[in-house]
């Protein structure tokens, strides 16, 4: 029995060693940021033109869209290489009938496969839902709600230079105060370049309660302690994000006050 087990164990160790070598070599994967940034706009724009035709929108062509993308894999601390469902693509395009939000792009979730193909799902506020009504009023499948694409594993891997600002957002939904009126605000910093920094101006109605500087890496959250107690009579507090780096919300955010 012993003579049988030992060779099996040796074989298992060998297999594990091979698997480790493969994982160690994942840095040479054909899945890279640059290839995705070139491939995503190509796949998207051809399907977007199909959608425009279904909707009866004229003048929309692959060339007129001028689409470009910035791709990122799981934030600034992870190399932008290798397959996985943790890729994000920020993409902008020119369509007068569907203007970009203030930050200038839409966010796409990417599941990138080891066979050099990917599945992308976009922001419904820009691309629409699973089905749309075409120019004849019929309900049809939306070609850009979720779509697949592939790239050449030997294709151009030089950096595209495409960058978009990270979007600062207020992630708190209410403002909970302690016995002394103190409170904490939660901010999020989205995918993008150079992270988020700036100042948040806090007001109770027309009265300024103070300002809070903030700084956060992309794809992270930060907590800010309010600079002054929330008055006992306040029912809501307004926050105006003034970014120095990154983009901010389209307008002030008002949160209801909840007494702790």
Protein backbone atom coordinates (compact mmCIF):
# COMPACT_ATOMS: atom_id res chain seq x y z
CA UNK A 1 0.00 0.00 0.00
CA UNK A 2 2.76 2.36 0.89
CA UNK A 3 4.47 1.87 -2.49
CA UNK A 4 1.26 2.92 -4.24
CA UNK A 5 0.64 6.05 -2.14
CA UNK A 6 4.12 7.53 -2.52
CA UNK A 7 4.06 7.73 -6.34
CA UNK A 8 0.58 9.28 -6.18
CA UNK A 9 1.77 11.92 -3.76
CA UNK A 10 4.77 12.66 -5.96
CA UNK A 11 2.46 13.04 -8.95
CA UNK A 12 0.20 15.39 -7.02
CA UNK A 13 3.15 17.54 -5.99
CA UNK A 14 4.26 17.69 -9.62
CA UNK A 15 0.78 18.74 -10.75
CA UNK A 16 0.61 21.42 -8.08
CA UNK A 17 4.03 22.66 -9.15
CA UNK A 18 2.91 22.93 -12.76
CA UNK A 19 -0.27 24.76 -11.71
CA UNK A 20 1.77 27.20 -9.64
CA UNK A 21 4.06 27.85 -12.58
CA UNK A 22 1.07 28.60 -14.78
CA UNK A 23 -0.34 31.00 -12.18
CA UNK A 24 3.05 32.63 -11.75
CA UNK A 25 3.11 33.25 -15.48
CA UNK A 26 -0.29 34.97 -15.47
CA UNK A 27 1.51 38.26 -15.89
CA UNK A 28 2.09 37.27 -19.52
CA UNK A 29 -1.65 36.93 -20.19
CA UNK A 30 -2.90 38.25 -23.51
CA UNK A 31 -5.70 40.00 -21.59
CA UNK A 32 -4.43 43.54 -21.04
CA UNK A 33 -5.82 47.00 -20.45
CA UNK A 34 -4.57 48.32 -23.78
CA UNK A 35 -6.17 45.53 -25.83
CA UNK A 36 -9.48 45.93 -24.01
CA UNK A 37 -9.41 49.70 -24.49
CA UNK A 38 -9.07 49.17 -28.23
CA UNK A 39 -11.58 46.33 -28.52
CA UNK A 40 -14.43 47.54 -26.29
CA UNK A 41 -15.26 50.67 -28.36
CA UNK A 42 -15.15 48.69 -31.62
CA UNK A 43 -17.63 46.06 -30.39
CA UNK A 44 -19.84 48.69 -28.78
CA UNK A 45 -20.04 51.17 -31.65
CA UNK A 46 -21.09 48.61 -34.25
CA UNK A 47 -23.93 47.46 -31.99
CA UNK A 48 -24.81 51.04 -31.03
CA UNK A 49 -25.31 51.85 -34.71
CA UNK A 50 -27.70 48.88 -34.88
CA UNK A 51 -29.60 50.30 -31.93
CA UNK A 52 -29.78 53.74 -33.57
CA UNK A 53 -31.21 52.15 -36.71
CA UNK A 54 -33.86 50.33 -34.65
CA UNK A 55 -34.81 53.59 -32.93
CA UNK A 56 -34.86 55.56 -36.16
CA UNK A 57 -32.00 57.84 -35.13
CA UNK A 58 -30.22 59.14 -38.22
CA UNK A 59 -26.65 60.30 -38.66
CA UNK A 60 -25.19 57.82 -36.17
CA UNK A 61 -22.18 55.98 -37.59
CA UNK A 62 -19.21 54.15 -36.13
CA UNK A 63 -16.98 57.06 -37.14
CA UNK A 64 -19.29 59.77 -35.79
CA UNK A 65 -19.39 58.24 -32.31
CA UNK A 66 -15.66 58.80 -31.63
CA UNK A 67 -15.84 56.22 -28.85
CA UNK A 68 -12.90 55.71 -26.51
CA UNK A 69 -12.46 53.65 -23.37
CA UNK A 70 -10.38 53.43 -20.21
CA UNK A 71 -10.27 49.97 -18.60
CA UNK A 72 -9.27 48.97 -15.08
CA UNK A 73 -9.01 45.69 -13.19
CA UNK A 74 -9.95 45.94 -9.51
CA UNK A 75 -8.53 49.35 -8.65
CA UNK A 76 -5.09 50.96 -8.50
CA UNK A 77 -3.39 48.23 -6.45
CA UNK A 78 -3.96 45.40 -8.97
CA UNK A 79 -2.17 44.98 -12.28
CA UNK A 80 -4.43 45.59 -15.30
CA UNK A 81 -3.81 42.16 -16.79
CA UNK A 82 -5.47 38.75 -16.84
CA UNK A 83 -9.03 37.39 -17.22
CA UNK A 84 -11.73 37.86 -14.61
CA UNK A 85 -15.09 39.38 -13.81
CA UNK A 86 -13.54 42.34 -12.01
CA UNK A 87 -12.79 44.56 -15.00
CA UNK A 88 -14.48 47.93 -15.48
CA UNK A 89 -14.56 49.99 -18.65
CA UNK A 90 -15.26 53.72 -18.71
CA UNK A 91 -16.37 54.78 -22.18
CA UNK A 92 -17.43 57.99 -23.87
CA UNK A 93 -19.05 58.53 -27.26
CA UNK A 94 -20.67 61.36 -29.21
CA UNK A 95 -24.42 61.12 -29.75
CA UNK A 96 -26.34 64.42 -29.53
CA UNK A 97 -29.50 62.48 -28.69
CA UNK A 98 -27.84 60.74 -25.73
CA UNK A 99 -25.55 63.26 -24.01
CA UNK A 100 -22.89 62.06 -21.59
CA UNK A 101 -23.36 62.74 -17.85
CA UNK A 102 -21.27 65.54 -16.27
CA UNK A 103 -18.32 63.22 -15.61
CA UNK A 104 -18.15 62.58 -19.37
CA UNK A 105 -18.50 58.80 -19.61
CA UNK A 106 -20.56 55.70 -18.85
CA UNK A 107 -19.39 52.78 -16.72
CA UNK A 108 -19.41 49.25 -18.18
CA UNK A 109 -18.94 46.06 -16.17
CA UNK A 110 -16.70 43.57 -17.98
CA UNK A 111 -16.30 39.83 -17.56
CA UNK A 112 -13.14 39.01 -19.51
CA UNK A 113 -12.51 35.38 -20.42
CA UNK A 114 -9.25 33.48 -20.92
CA UNK A 115 -10.18 32.90 -24.60
CA UNK A 116 -9.61 36.62 -25.36
CA UNK A 117 -13.31 37.45 -25.43
CA UNK A 118 -15.46 39.44 -23.02
CA UNK A 119 -19.03 40.17 -22.00
CA UNK A 120 -19.95 43.80 -21.28
CA UNK A 121 -22.99 45.34 -19.66
CA UNK A 122 -23.47 49.08 -19.77
CA UNK A 123 -25.23 51.84 -17.84
CA UNK A 124 -28.94 51.60 -18.64
CA UNK A 125 -29.36 55.38 -18.35
CA UNK A 126 -27.20 55.66 -21.48
CA UNK A 127 -27.70 52.36 -23.30
CA UNK A 128 -31.28 51.40 -22.32
CA UNK A 129 -32.78 48.26 -20.83
CA UNK A 130 -32.96 44.68 -22.08
CA UNK A 131 -35.73 45.52 -24.54
CA UNK A 132 -36.56 48.75 -26.37
CA UNK A 133 -39.40 49.95 -28.57
CA UNK A 134 -38.21 50.38 -32.14
CA UNK A 135 -39.32 53.11 -34.55
CA UNK A 136 -42.42 51.06 -35.40
CA UNK A 137 -43.39 50.65 -31.76
CA UNK A 138 -42.43 46.98 -31.56
CA UNK A 139 -40.63 45.65 -28.50
CA UNK A 140 -37.22 44.34 -29.60
CA UNK A 141 -34.01 43.20 -27.94
CA UNK A 142 -31.60 46.02 -27.17
CA UNK A 143 -28.25 45.11 -28.81
CA UNK A 144 -26.15 47.17 -26.36
CA UNK A 145 -27.82 46.18 -23.09
CA UNK A 146 -25.29 43.35 -22.80
CA UNK A 147 -22.93 42.29 -25.56
CA UNK A 148 -19.90 40.15 -26.35
CA UNK A 149 -16.64 41.03 -28.03
CA UNK A 150 -13.21 39.58 -28.71
CA UNK A 151 -9.74 40.94 -29.32
CA UNK A 152 -6.59 39.78 -31.08
CA UNK A 153 -4.29 38.23 -28.44
CA UNK A 154 -1.35 39.40 -30.55
CA UNK A 155 -2.85 42.84 -31.15
CA UNK A 156 -1.41 46.25 -30.29
CA UNK A 157 -0.53 46.36 -26.60
CA UNK A 158 0.85 49.89 -26.38
CA UNK A 159 -0.91 52.22 -23.95
CA UNK A 160 -3.82 54.16 -25.46
CA UNK A 161 -3.39 57.11 -23.11
CA UNK A 162 -7.14 57.24 -22.50
CA UNK A 163 -8.03 58.49 -19.02
CA UNK A 164 -11.21 59.63 -17.30
CA UNK A 165 -11.65 61.28 -13.90
CA UNK A 166 -12.83 59.25 -10.93
CA UNK A 167 -16.33 60.17 -9.82
CA UNK A 168 -16.77 61.28 -6.21
CA UNK A 169 -20.17 60.27 -4.83
CA UNK A 170 -21.98 60.65 -1.53
CA UNK A 171 -22.68 57.08 -0.46
CA UNK A 172 -24.47 57.91 2.81
CA UNK A 173 -28.25 57.76 2.51
CA UNK A 174 -29.00 59.36 5.88
CA UNK A 175 -27.01 61.39 8.38
CA UNK A 176 -27.07 59.80 11.83
CA UNK A 177 -26.04 62.05 14.71
CA UNK A 178 -24.76 61.15 18.15
CA UNK A 179 -25.88 62.69 21.45
CA UNK A 180 -23.71 65.76 20.82
CA UNK A 181 -24.87 66.30 17.26
CA UNK A 182 -21.75 64.84 15.71
CA UNK A 183 -22.05 62.88 12.47
CA UNK A 184 -20.00 61.16 9.78
CA UNK A 185 -20.40 61.38 5.98
CA UNK A 186 -19.37 58.53 3.66
CA UNK A 187 -17.87 59.32 0.26
CA UNK A 188 -16.99 56.95 -2.56
CA UNK A 189 -14.31 57.39 -5.23
CA UNK A 190 -15.02 55.48 -8.42
CA UNK A 191 -12.90 54.01 -11.20
CA UNK A 192 -10.74 56.54 -13.00
CA UNK A 193 -7.34 58.18 -12.90
CA UNK A 194 -5.65 60.19 -10.13
CA UNK A 195 -8.28 59.41 -7.49
CA UNK A 196 -10.51 61.97 -5.77
CA UNK A 197 -9.71 65.03 -3.70
CA UNK A 198 -11.33 68.33 -2.87
CA UNK A 199 -13.64 69.92 -0.34
CA UNK A 200 -17.18 69.25 0.86
CA UNK A 201 -19.16 72.30 1.99
CA UNK A 202 -21.75 71.48 4.67
CA UNK A 203 -24.89 73.58 5.11
CA UNK A 204 -27.97 73.43 7.29
CA UNK A 205 -30.48 75.27 5.17
CA UNK A 206 -28.79 78.60 4.47
CA UNK A 207 -26.29 78.31 7.34
CA UNK A 208 -22.80 77.02 6.56
CA UNK A 209 -21.63 74.48 9.15
CA UNK A 210 -18.12 74.28 7.73
CA UNK A 211 -15.96 72.55 5.14
CA UNK A 212 -14.32 69.13 5.02
CA UNK A 213 -11.28 68.30 2.87
CA UNK A 214 -11.25 64.79 1.37
CA UNK A 215 -8.78 62.56 -0.45
CA UNK A 216 -9.29 58.98 -1.61
CA UNK A 217 -7.82 56.50 -4.06
CA UNK A 218 -9.97 55.33 -6.94
CA UNK A 219 -12.38 52.51 -6.10
CA UNK A 220 -12.32 53.22 -2.36
CA UNK A 221 -14.46 54.89 0.30
CA UNK A 222 -13.62 57.43 2.98
CA UNK A 223 -15.37 58.73 6.11
CA UNK A 224 -15.51 62.43 6.96
CA UNK A 225 -16.44 63.77 10.40
CA UNK A 226 -18.63 66.84 10.13
CA UNK A 227 -16.77 70.03 11.16
CA UNK A 228 -19.53 71.16 13.53
CA UNK A 229 -22.44 69.57 15.41
CA UNK A 230 -25.71 69.29 13.53
CA UNK A 231 -28.21 71.66 15.17
CA UNK A 232 -30.93 69.88 17.15
CA UNK A 233 -33.61 71.50 14.99
CA UNK A 234 -32.11 70.44 11.67
CA UNK A 235 -34.14 67.93 9.68
CA UNK A 236 -31.71 67.70 6.77
CA UNK A 237 -28.16 68.68 5.84
CA UNK A 238 -26.83 69.54 2.39
CA UNK A 239 -23.39 68.64 1.04
CA UNK A 240 -21.75 70.34 -1.94
CA UNK A 241 -18.77 68.42 -3.33
CA UNK A 242 -16.13 70.69 -4.86
CA UNK A 243 -13.51 68.44 -6.51
CA UNK A 244 -9.90 69.40 -7.16
CA UNK A 245 -9.14 66.03 -8.77
CA UNK A 246 -11.80 63.74 -10.16
CA UNK A 247 -15.40 64.68 -10.89
CA UNK A 248 -18.23 65.39 -8.47
CA UNK A 249 -22.00 64.90 -8.30
CA UNK A 250 -24.04 67.00 -10.71
CA UNK A 251 -25.40 69.04 -7.80
CA UNK A 252 -25.59 69.29 -4.00
CA UNK A 253 -26.74 66.21 -2.09
CA UNK A 254 -29.25 66.63 0.74
CA UNK A 255 -29.59 63.95 3.40
CA UNK A 256 -32.26 63.57 6.08
CA UNK A 257 -31.04 63.74 9.68
CA UNK A 258 -31.59 60.74 11.90
CA UNK A 259 -31.05 61.18 15.63
CA UNK A 260 -28.93 58.47 17.20
